[in-house]
Amino acid sequence: MKFIEALKLRSKLFFLFMLITSGLIIIGIMGAINIGAMKKNLDSLYFGSLVPVTELNEILQVYHGNLTNVIYKAKSNEISKDQVNLEILSSLKKVKQQWQSYKKHFKRDEELQYVEYVSLEIEALNNYFLKIRNINNKEDALRKLSIETLETKIAHIHKTIKKLINYEVEIAVYERKKFLVTYDAIMKEVGVVLVTIILGVLFISFYVFKSIQNDQTRLEIATKRLKKANKKLENVSYTDVLTSLHNRRYFNFVYDKELKRAKRERKFITFMMLDIDFFKQYNDTYGHMEGDKALVNVASALKELLKRPSDYVFRLGGEEFGVILSDTDAKNSEKVASKICEAIKSKKIPHKNSSASEYVTISIGLVCCVADDALDENFLISKADEMLYEAKNNGRDTYVLTTDVADLKEVAA
């Protein structure tokens, strides 16, 4: 065992791999010798008998349950004619599917002739129900339908398919007995070899794993530390330091992802571009320290308002912010924009040199539309910027919404 202890981690893992591989090869050789016989028996027992029984029983269930009940209800006017037609077609389709599936299974020569007979009987009964469907549209036609004839036909198909079920069950019993004899002999032989190999692998693996345990532990600790460090770096790279909002870099990533998702699902997507009104004058009046505080307060208001998992808020740069709303129509997007304006104003951040209000306010340009393949990735941004410019021209402390994508369609065409 000193040889194993002297090996490096990679060599130890390779040694373990080769050891386990050798064991599996031996098991594979043994299995290959006997797998043919085992597979044949298993296929005959389970897939040759039990599954077909289930399929035949489902056919009987459709005839006894679905179709018969539909006729009874139709005669008593419990369901509409359209429902009758739909139920008959749906049930007959299921019967056909189950029967076709049953016929695909392995069939012995002695049962092929009877299977064809049953197939003809099923086809005849299906035609009977199709005739019922055809006369269903005639007034009071189903009331004259003979229940005795219906029950006679159902009883006949039940008896016919039941013989087939009984045959399949008898074959299953026979194949099971045959399988168990073969299975016991094979399992004893394989069991002895398998136990020997497993004990050998476990015995040697114990020393191998014991040898690499310390190396693995150190590696896991280092990996966890690295993941934590990477997570911190990732968060820093996607977060605006001042406001703790997502930054422009993360905006580019989310915008591309959400736009593709909206196109794929043909859903609404909304983009808002927000700008603090007269922020340059604010900095000139109160200083950049207070300006930073104002930015933090605005960011805080946005985070408090937009809490859904599908709502994204970004600081795009300076006093400019961006908002992406997924699966939100124009009416609700407009409500959100209105609430944002109110929320910022309710902070009551003094701004004496603003012509829009005595407090800090915000202007918003937003565009909302159902995304499709014609939607250019730069369209929402440029259109929201136009609406923002219009909001500023309208006196600021407001929002302007557009759902018009006509310009885009013309370009795409």
Protein backbone atom coordinates (compact mmCIF):
# COMPACT_ATOMS: atom_id res chain seq x y z
CA MET A 1 0.00 0.00 0.00
CA LYS A 2 3.04 2.31 0.20
CA PHE A 3 2.95 2.38 -3.60
CA ILE A 4 -0.58 3.84 -3.55
CA GLU A 5 0.33 6.43 -0.91
CA ALA A 6 3.22 7.62 -3.05
CA LEU A 7 1.05 8.32 -6.07
CA LYS A 8 -0.11 11.85 -6.85
CA LEU A 9 -3.81 12.74 -6.90
CA ARG A 10 -4.21 12.39 -10.68
CA SER A 11 -2.38 9.09 -10.69
CA LYS A 12 -4.49 7.81 -7.82
CA LEU A 13 -7.70 8.66 -9.62
CA PHE A 14 -6.42 7.03 -12.79
CA PHE A 15 -5.44 3.92 -10.82
CA LEU A 16 -8.93 3.78 -9.28
CA PHE A 17 -10.52 4.27 -12.69
CA MET A 18 -8.52 1.43 -14.22
CA LEU A 19 -9.35 -0.81 -11.27
CA ILE A 20 -13.08 -0.20 -11.49
CA THR A 21 -12.96 -0.44 -15.28
CA SER A 22 -11.32 -3.84 -15.07
CA GLY A 23 -14.04 -5.02 -12.72
CA LEU A 24 -16.75 -3.71 -14.98
CA ILE A 25 -15.19 -5.40 -18.00
CA ILE A 26 -15.28 -8.74 -16.21
CA ILE A 27 -18.89 -8.15 -15.19
CA GLY A 28 -19.68 -7.11 -18.74
CA ILE A 29 -18.21 -10.30 -20.19
CA MET A 30 -20.27 -12.41 -17.83
CA GLY A 31 -23.35 -10.37 -18.55
CA ALA A 32 -22.81 -10.56 -22.31
CA ILE A 33 -22.81 -14.35 -22.16
CA ASN A 34 -26.18 -14.51 -20.43
CA ILE A 35 -27.91 -11.25 -21.34
CA GLY A 36 -29.43 -12.66 -24.53
CA ALA A 37 -31.33 -15.39 -22.73
CA MET A 38 -32.33 -13.06 -19.88
CA LYS A 39 -33.55 -10.35 -22.24
CA LYS A 40 -35.61 -12.81 -24.26
CA ASN A 41 -37.31 -14.13 -21.15
CA LEU A 42 -37.91 -10.67 -19.70
CA ASP A 43 -39.32 -9.44 -22.99
CA SER A 44 -41.66 -12.41 -23.27
CA LEU A 45 -42.79 -12.13 -19.68
CA TYR A 46 -43.34 -8.43 -19.29
CA PHE A 47 -43.50 -6.84 -22.72
CA GLY A 48 -44.95 -9.85 -24.51
CA SER A 49 -47.78 -10.46 -22.06
CA LEU A 50 -48.45 -7.98 -19.29
CA VAL A 51 -48.39 -4.76 -21.31
CA PRO A 52 -50.75 -6.19 -23.97
CA VAL A 53 -53.19 -7.22 -21.23
CA THR A 54 -53.28 -3.62 -20.04
CA GLU A 55 -53.92 -2.38 -23.56
CA LEU A 56 -56.74 -4.88 -24.12
CA ASN A 57 -58.33 -3.94 -20.80
CA GLU A 58 -58.20 -0.27 -21.77
CA ILE A 59 -60.05 -1.09 -25.00
CA LEU A 60 -62.76 -2.86 -23.01
CA GLN A 61 -62.94 0.08 -20.62
CA VAL A 62 -63.57 2.46 -23.53
CA TYR A 63 -66.39 0.28 -24.89
CA HIS A 64 -67.98 -0.46 -21.52
CA GLY A 65 -67.43 2.95 -20.00
CA ASN A 66 -66.99 5.86 -22.39
CA LEU A 67 -68.99 4.78 -25.45
CA THR A 68 -71.82 3.02 -23.62
CA ASN A 69 -72.27 5.90 -21.19
CA VAL A 70 -72.32 8.41 -24.06
CA ILE A 71 -75.16 6.51 -25.78
CA TYR A 72 -77.15 6.27 -22.53
CA LYS A 73 -76.73 9.97 -21.87
CA ALA A 74 -77.59 10.85 -25.47
CA LYS A 75 -80.83 8.88 -25.33
CA SER A 76 -81.84 10.76 -22.19
CA ASN A 77 -80.71 14.12 -23.64
CA GLU A 78 -78.16 14.64 -20.86
CA ILE A 79 -75.50 15.78 -23.32
CA SER A 80 -75.63 17.73 -26.58
CA LYS A 81 -75.27 16.25 -30.05
CA ASP A 82 -71.91 17.93 -30.50
CA GLN A 83 -70.68 16.35 -27.28
CA VAL A 84 -71.92 12.94 -28.46
CA ASN A 85 -70.07 13.28 -31.75
CA LEU A 86 -66.90 14.43 -30.02
CA GLU A 87 -66.97 11.67 -27.38
CA ILE A 88 -67.57 8.94 -29.99
CA LEU A 89 -64.70 10.09 -32.22
CA SER A 90 -62.35 10.52 -29.25
CA SER A 91 -63.16 7.07 -27.84
CA LEU A 92 -62.84 5.30 -31.20
CA LYS A 93 -59.49 7.00 -31.76
CA LYS A 94 -58.27 5.70 -28.41
CA VAL A 95 -59.51 2.17 -29.24
CA LYS A 96 -57.66 2.28 -32.55
CA GLN A 97 -54.44 3.48 -30.92
CA GLN A 98 -54.54 0.81 -28.20
CA TRP A 99 -55.31 -1.94 -30.69
CA GLN A 100 -52.54 -0.89 -33.07
CA SER A 101 -50.15 -0.77 -30.13
CA TYR A 102 -51.23 -4.26 -29.05
CA LYS A 103 -50.72 -5.71 -32.55
CA LYS A 104 -47.12 -4.43 -32.63
CA HIS A 105 -46.11 -6.78 -29.79
CA PHE A 106 -44.62 -10.19 -30.45
CA LYS A 107 -47.29 -12.67 -31.59
CA ARG A 108 -47.02 -16.43 -31.76
CA ASP A 109 -48.18 -18.28 -34.85
CA GLU A 110 -51.07 -19.91 -33.02
CA GLU A 111 -52.61 -16.58 -32.01
CA LEU A 112 -52.23 -14.62 -35.27
CA GLN A 113 -55.45 -15.97 -36.79
CA TYR A 114 -57.50 -15.09 -33.70
CA VAL A 115 -55.91 -11.64 -33.51
CA GLU A 116 -57.07 -10.95 -37.07
CA TYR A 117 -60.57 -12.14 -36.14
CA VAL A 118 -60.63 -9.77 -33.15
CA SER A 119 -59.42 -6.99 -35.39
CA LEU A 120 -62.41 -7.52 -37.69
CA GLU A 121 -64.79 -7.56 -34.73
CA ILE A 122 -63.36 -4.30 -33.38
CA GLU A 123 -63.64 -2.70 -36.81
CA ALA A 124 -67.28 -3.83 -37.11
CA LEU A 125 -68.16 -2.45 -33.68
CA ASN A 126 -66.37 0.82 -34.45
CA ASN A 127 -68.41 1.12 -37.66
CA TYR A 128 -71.54 0.55 -35.57
CA PHE A 129 -70.66 3.50 -33.35
CA LEU A 130 -69.82 5.63 -36.39
CA LYS A 131 -73.30 4.89 -37.75
CA ILE A 132 -74.73 6.01 -34.40
CA ARG A 133 -72.74 9.22 -34.76
CA ASN A 134 -74.08 9.76 -38.27
CA ILE A 135 -77.72 9.37 -37.21
CA ASN A 136 -77.14 11.52 -34.14
CA ASN A 137 -77.81 14.66 -36.17
CA LYS A 138 -81.31 13.44 -37.05
CA GLU A 139 -84.10 14.49 -34.70
CA ASP A 140 -85.01 11.82 -32.09
CA ALA A 141 -82.95 9.22 -33.98
CA LEU A 142 -81.00 8.08 -30.91
CA ARG A 143 -84.19 7.62 -28.89
CA LYS A 144 -85.18 4.85 -31.30
CA LEU A 145 -81.78 3.18 -30.95
CA SER A 146 -82.04 -0.33 -29.50
CA ILE A 147 -80.26 -0.59 -26.17
CA GLU A 148 -80.57 -4.36 -26.42
CA THR A 149 -78.59 -4.35 -29.68
CA LEU A 150 -75.98 -2.08 -28.12
CA GLU A 151 -75.55 -4.29 -25.06
CA THR A 152 -75.42 -7.43 -27.23
CA LYS A 153 -72.59 -5.99 -29.32
CA ILE A 154 -70.70 -4.79 -26.24
CA ALA A 155 -71.11 -8.20 -24.59
CA HIS A 156 -69.84 -9.91 -27.73
CA ILE A 157 -66.72 -7.76 -28.04
CA HIS A 158 -66.12 -8.22 -24.30
CA LYS A 159 -66.24 -11.99 -24.70
CA THR A 160 -64.04 -11.88 -27.80
CA ILE A 161 -61.32 -9.68 -26.26
CA LYS A 162 -61.54 -11.51 -22.91
CA LYS A 163 -60.42 -14.71 -24.67
CA LEU A 164 -57.40 -12.83 -25.94
CA ILE A 165 -56.69 -11.49 -22.45
CA ASN A 166 -56.92 -14.95 -20.92
CA TYR A 167 -54.52 -16.27 -23.52
CA GLU A 168 -52.02 -13.50 -22.80
CA VAL A 169 -52.25 -14.18 -19.05
CA GLU A 170 -51.69 -17.93 -19.59
CA ILE A 171 -48.65 -17.16 -21.71
CA ALA A 172 -47.39 -14.82 -18.98
CA VAL A 173 -47.69 -17.55 -16.35
CA TYR A 174 -45.89 -20.04 -18.57
CA GLU A 175 -43.12 -17.61 -19.50
CA ARG A 176 -42.70 -16.60 -15.88
CA LYS A 177 -42.08 -20.17 -14.77
CA LYS A 178 -39.65 -20.69 -17.60
CA PHE A 179 -37.93 -17.41 -16.85
CA LEU A 180 -37.53 -18.10 -13.13
CA VAL A 181 -35.72 -21.37 -13.78
CA THR A 182 -33.28 -19.72 -16.18
CA TYR A 183 -33.00 -16.61 -14.02
CA ASP A 184 -32.09 -18.53 -10.84
CA ALA A 185 -29.31 -20.43 -12.59
CA ILE A 186 -27.87 -17.30 -14.18
CA MET A 187 -28.09 -15.23 -11.02
CA LYS A 188 -26.23 -17.83 -8.96
CA GLU A 189 -23.39 -17.89 -11.46
CA VAL A 190 -23.23 -14.13 -11.87
CA GLY A 191 -23.74 -13.55 -8.15
CA VAL A 192 -20.64 -15.49 -7.13
CA VAL A 193 -18.45 -13.64 -9.63
CA LEU A 194 -20.01 -10.28 -8.85
CA VAL A 195 -19.61 -10.60 -5.09
CA THR A 196 -15.97 -11.59 -5.50
CA ILE A 197 -15.24 -8.63 -7.73
CA ILE A 198 -17.13 -6.17 -5.55
CA LEU A 199 -15.33 -7.28 -2.40
CA GLY A 200 -11.99 -6.93 -4.16
CA VAL A 201 -12.86 -3.48 -5.50
CA LEU A 202 -14.14 -2.33 -2.10
CA PHE A 203 -11.06 -3.62 -0.30
CA ILE A 204 -8.61 -1.84 -2.58
CA SER A 205 -10.81 1.25 -3.00
CA PHE A 206 -10.81 1.73 0.75
CA TYR A 207 -7.08 2.32 0.74
CA VAL A 208 -7.23 4.41 -2.44
CA PHE A 209 -9.91 6.73 -1.08
CA LYS A 210 -8.22 6.95 2.27
CA SER A 211 -5.06 8.05 0.50
CA ILE A 212 -6.77 10.78 -1.55
CA GLN A 213 -9.13 11.95 1.17
CA ASN A 214 -6.87 14.66 2.47
CA ASP A 215 -6.09 15.91 -1.03
CA GLN A 216 -9.79 15.99 -1.87
CA THR A 217 -10.68 17.88 1.31
CA ARG A 218 -8.09 20.55 0.60
CA LEU A 219 -9.30 20.81 -2.97
CA GLU A 220 -12.94 21.26 -1.87
CA ILE A 221 -11.99 23.99 0.59
CA ALA A 222 -10.02 25.82 -2.08
CA THR A 223 -12.90 25.42 -4.55
CA LYS A 224 -15.43 26.87 -2.10
CA ARG A 225 -13.20 29.85 -1.43
CA LEU A 226 -12.71 30.39 -5.14
CA LYS A 227 -16.48 30.21 -5.77
CA LYS A 228 -17.15 32.77 -3.06
CA ALA A 229 -14.49 35.07 -4.48
CA ASN A 230 -15.88 34.66 -8.00
CA LYS A 231 -19.39 35.36 -6.75
CA LYS A 232 -18.24 38.56 -5.07
CA LEU A 233 -16.41 39.63 -8.22
CA GLU A 234 -19.46 38.85 -10.34
CA ASN A 235 -21.74 40.86 -8.06
CA VAL A 236 -19.33 43.78 -8.10
CA SER A 237 -19.07 43.67 -11.88
CA TYR A 238 -22.87 43.80 -12.26
CA THR A 239 -23.68 46.30 -9.48
CA ASP A 240 -23.52 50.07 -9.42
CA VAL A 241 -21.35 50.99 -6.43
CA LEU A 242 -23.28 54.11 -5.42
CA THR A 243 -26.91 52.99 -5.73
CA SER A 244 -26.52 49.18 -5.46
CA LEU A 245 -28.70 48.88 -8.57
CA HIS A 246 -27.70 46.77 -11.55
CA ASN A 247 -25.26 48.64 -13.77
CA ARG A 248 -25.07 49.20 -17.53
CA ARG A 249 -23.09 46.00 -18.06
CA TYR A 250 -25.80 43.89 -16.44
CA PHE A 251 -28.44 45.84 -18.35
CA ASN A 252 -26.88 44.76 -21.64
CA PHE A 253 -27.05 41.13 -20.54
CA VAL A 254 -30.62 41.23 -19.16
CA TYR A 255 -31.97 43.33 -22.04
CA ASP A 256 -30.70 40.84 -24.60
CA LYS A 257 -32.02 37.86 -22.60
CA GLU A 258 -35.48 39.32 -21.91
CA LEU A 259 -35.93 40.54 -25.48
CA LYS A 260 -35.11 37.09 -26.88
CA ARG A 261 -37.48 35.46 -24.39
CA ALA A 262 -40.29 37.88 -25.25
CA LYS A 263 -39.76 37.23 -28.97
CA ARG A 264 -39.76 33.50 -28.43
CA GLU A 265 -42.97 33.57 -26.38
CA ARG A 266 -44.61 36.45 -28.30
CA LYS A 267 -45.22 38.40 -25.08
CA PHE A 268 -45.19 42.03 -24.00
CA ILE A 269 -41.92 43.73 -23.14
CA THR A 270 -41.61 47.25 -21.74
CA PHE A 271 -38.53 49.43 -21.51
CA MET A 272 -38.46 52.70 -19.56
CA MET A 273 -35.76 55.33 -19.68
CA LEU A 274 -35.81 57.59 -16.61
CA ASP A 275 -33.97 60.84 -16.08
CA ILE A 276 -33.87 63.05 -12.96
CA ASP A 277 -35.18 66.48 -13.89
CA PHE A 278 -32.63 69.35 -13.85
CA PHE A 279 -30.03 67.21 -12.08
CA LYS A 280 -27.14 69.39 -13.24
CA GLN A 281 -28.76 72.40 -11.53
CA TYR A 282 -29.27 70.24 -8.45
CA ASN A 283 -25.55 69.45 -8.28
CA ASP A 284 -24.67 73.09 -8.89
CA THR A 285 -27.01 74.18 -6.09
CA TYR A 286 -26.46 71.55 -3.42
CA GLY A 287 -23.12 70.03 -4.38
CA HIS A 288 -22.13 66.61 -5.64
CA MET A 289 -22.34 64.95 -2.21
CA GLU A 290 -26.02 65.84 -1.98
CA GLY A 291 -26.39 64.84 -5.61
CA ASP A 292 -25.11 61.37 -4.75
CA LYS A 293 -27.61 61.20 -1.86
CA ALA A 294 -30.40 62.15 -4.25
CA LEU A 295 -29.36 59.35 -6.62
CA VAL A 296 -29.40 56.85 -3.74
CA ASN A 297 -32.87 58.03 -2.67
CA VAL A 298 -34.20 57.70 -6.21
CA ALA A 299 -32.68 54.22 -6.51
CA SER A 300 -34.23 53.26 -3.17
CA ALA A 301 -37.67 54.37 -4.34
CA LEU A 302 -37.32 52.35 -7.54
CA LYS A 303 -36.27 49.22 -5.64
CA GLU A 304 -39.18 49.56 -3.21
CA LEU A 305 -41.68 49.89 -6.03
CA LEU A 306 -40.39 47.29 -8.50
CA LYS A 307 -40.22 44.06 -6.53
CA ARG A 308 -41.45 41.43 -8.97
CA PRO A 309 -38.88 38.83 -10.13
CA SER A 310 -39.57 39.97 -13.70
CA ASP A 311 -38.91 43.66 -12.90
CA TYR A 312 -35.38 44.91 -13.52
CA VAL A 313 -33.99 48.31 -12.47
CA PHE A 314 -30.67 49.70 -13.66
CA ARG A 315 -28.54 52.78 -13.28
CA LEU A 316 -27.45 53.38 -16.84
CA GLY A 317 -25.14 56.28 -15.99
CA GLY A 318 -25.20 59.66 -14.29
CA GLU A 319 -28.80 60.56 -13.41
CA GLU A 320 -30.19 58.14 -16.00
CA PHE A 321 -31.99 54.94 -15.00
CA GLY A 322 -33.57 52.10 -16.94
CA VAL A 323 -36.44 49.71 -16.17
CA ILE A 324 -37.39 46.48 -17.96
CA LEU A 325 -40.83 44.95 -17.35
CA SER A 326 -41.56 41.49 -18.69
CA ASP A 327 -45.03 40.28 -19.72
CA THR A 328 -46.67 43.62 -18.76
CA ASP A 329 -49.14 45.25 -21.14
CA ALA A 330 -49.30 48.96 -21.96
CA LYS A 331 -52.03 49.77 -19.43
CA ASN A 332 -50.14 48.25 -16.51
CA SER A 333 -46.82 49.66 -17.72
CA GLU A 334 -48.39 53.11 -17.68
CA LYS A 335 -49.59 52.54 -14.12
CA VAL A 336 -46.06 51.58 -13.07
CA ALA A 337 -44.62 54.71 -14.70
CA SER A 338 -47.18 56.87 -12.91
CA LYS A 339 -46.37 55.25 -9.57
CA ILE A 340 -42.65 55.84 -10.16
CA CYS A 341 -43.23 59.55 -10.73
CA GLU A 342 -45.35 59.75 -7.59
CA ALA A 343 -42.87 57.73 -5.53
CA ILE A 344 -39.93 59.96 -6.46
CA LYS A 345 -41.89 63.11 -5.76
CA SER A 346 -43.16 61.72 -2.43
CA LYS A 347 -39.54 61.51 -1.24
CA LYS A 348 -39.74 65.34 -1.03
CA ILE A 349 -36.12 65.92 -1.85
CA PRO A 350 -35.83 69.74 -2.06
CA HIS A 351 -34.90 71.17 -5.47
CA LYS A 352 -35.42 74.93 -5.39
CA ASN A 353 -33.94 75.54 -8.86
CA SER A 354 -36.26 73.11 -10.64
CA SER A 355 -38.97 74.61 -12.80
CA ALA A 356 -40.91 71.34 -12.68
CA SER A 357 -41.47 71.18 -8.91
CA GLU A 358 -40.07 72.30 -5.59
CA TYR A 359 -38.91 68.72 -5.09
CA VAL A 360 -36.76 66.34 -7.10
CA THR A 361 -38.84 64.78 -9.90
CA ILE A 362 -38.26 62.37 -12.71
CA SER A 363 -39.24 62.17 -16.38
CA ILE A 364 -39.91 58.85 -18.06
CA GLY A 365 -40.04 57.71 -21.66
CA LEU A 366 -41.42 54.22 -22.14
CA VAL A 367 -42.27 51.92 -24.99
CA CYS A 368 -44.41 48.78 -24.69
CA CYS A 369 -45.12 46.23 -27.40
CA VAL A 370 -45.54 42.54 -28.11
CA ALA A 371 -42.15 41.28 -29.24
CA ASP A 372 -41.79 39.45 -32.51
CA ASP A 373 -38.97 38.54 -34.88
CA ALA A 374 -39.15 41.96 -36.54
CA LEU A 375 -38.35 43.79 -33.31
CA ASP A 376 -34.85 45.24 -33.60
CA GLU A 377 -32.76 45.05 -30.42
CA ASN A 378 -31.97 48.77 -30.50
CA PHE A 379 -35.54 49.86 -31.21
CA LEU A 380 -36.87 49.89 -27.65
CA ILE A 381 -33.92 51.94 -26.41
CA SER A 382 -34.07 54.53 -29.15
CA LYS A 383 -37.86 54.78 -28.95
CA ALA A 384 -37.81 55.15 -25.15
CA ASP A 385 -35.19 57.88 -25.54
CA GLU A 386 -37.52 59.72 -27.95
CA MET A 387 -40.39 59.44 -25.48
CA LEU A 388 -38.13 60.71 -22.67
CA TYR A 389 -37.28 63.74 -24.78
CA GLU A 390 -40.99 64.33 -25.37
CA ALA A 391 -41.72 64.01 -21.63
CA LYS A 392 -39.14 66.71 -20.94
CA ASN A 393 -40.71 68.93 -23.57
CA ASN A 394 -44.09 68.41 -21.86
CA GLY A 395 -42.82 70.05 -18.69
CA ARG A 396 -41.06 67.11 -17.00
CA ASP A 397 -42.27 65.31 -13.87
CA THR A 398 -44.30 63.08 -16.18
CA TYR A 399 -44.11 60.13 -18.50
CA VAL A 400 -44.86 59.53 -22.18
CA LEU A 401 -45.84 56.07 -23.41
CA THR A 402 -45.83 54.72 -26.94
CA THR A 403 -46.93 51.37 -28.30
CA ASP A 404 -46.32 52.41 -31.87
CA VAL A 405 -43.87 50.10 -33.65
CA ALA A 406 -44.84 51.14 -37.17
CA ASP A 407 -41.43 52.70 -37.83
CA LEU A 408 -39.77 49.47 -36.90
CA LYS A 409 -41.97 47.42 -39.20
CA GLU A 410 -41.13 49.67 -42.12
CA VAL A 411 -37.41 49.29 -41.47
CA ALA A 412 -37.69 45.53 -41.11
CA ALA A 413 -39.71 45.28 -44.32
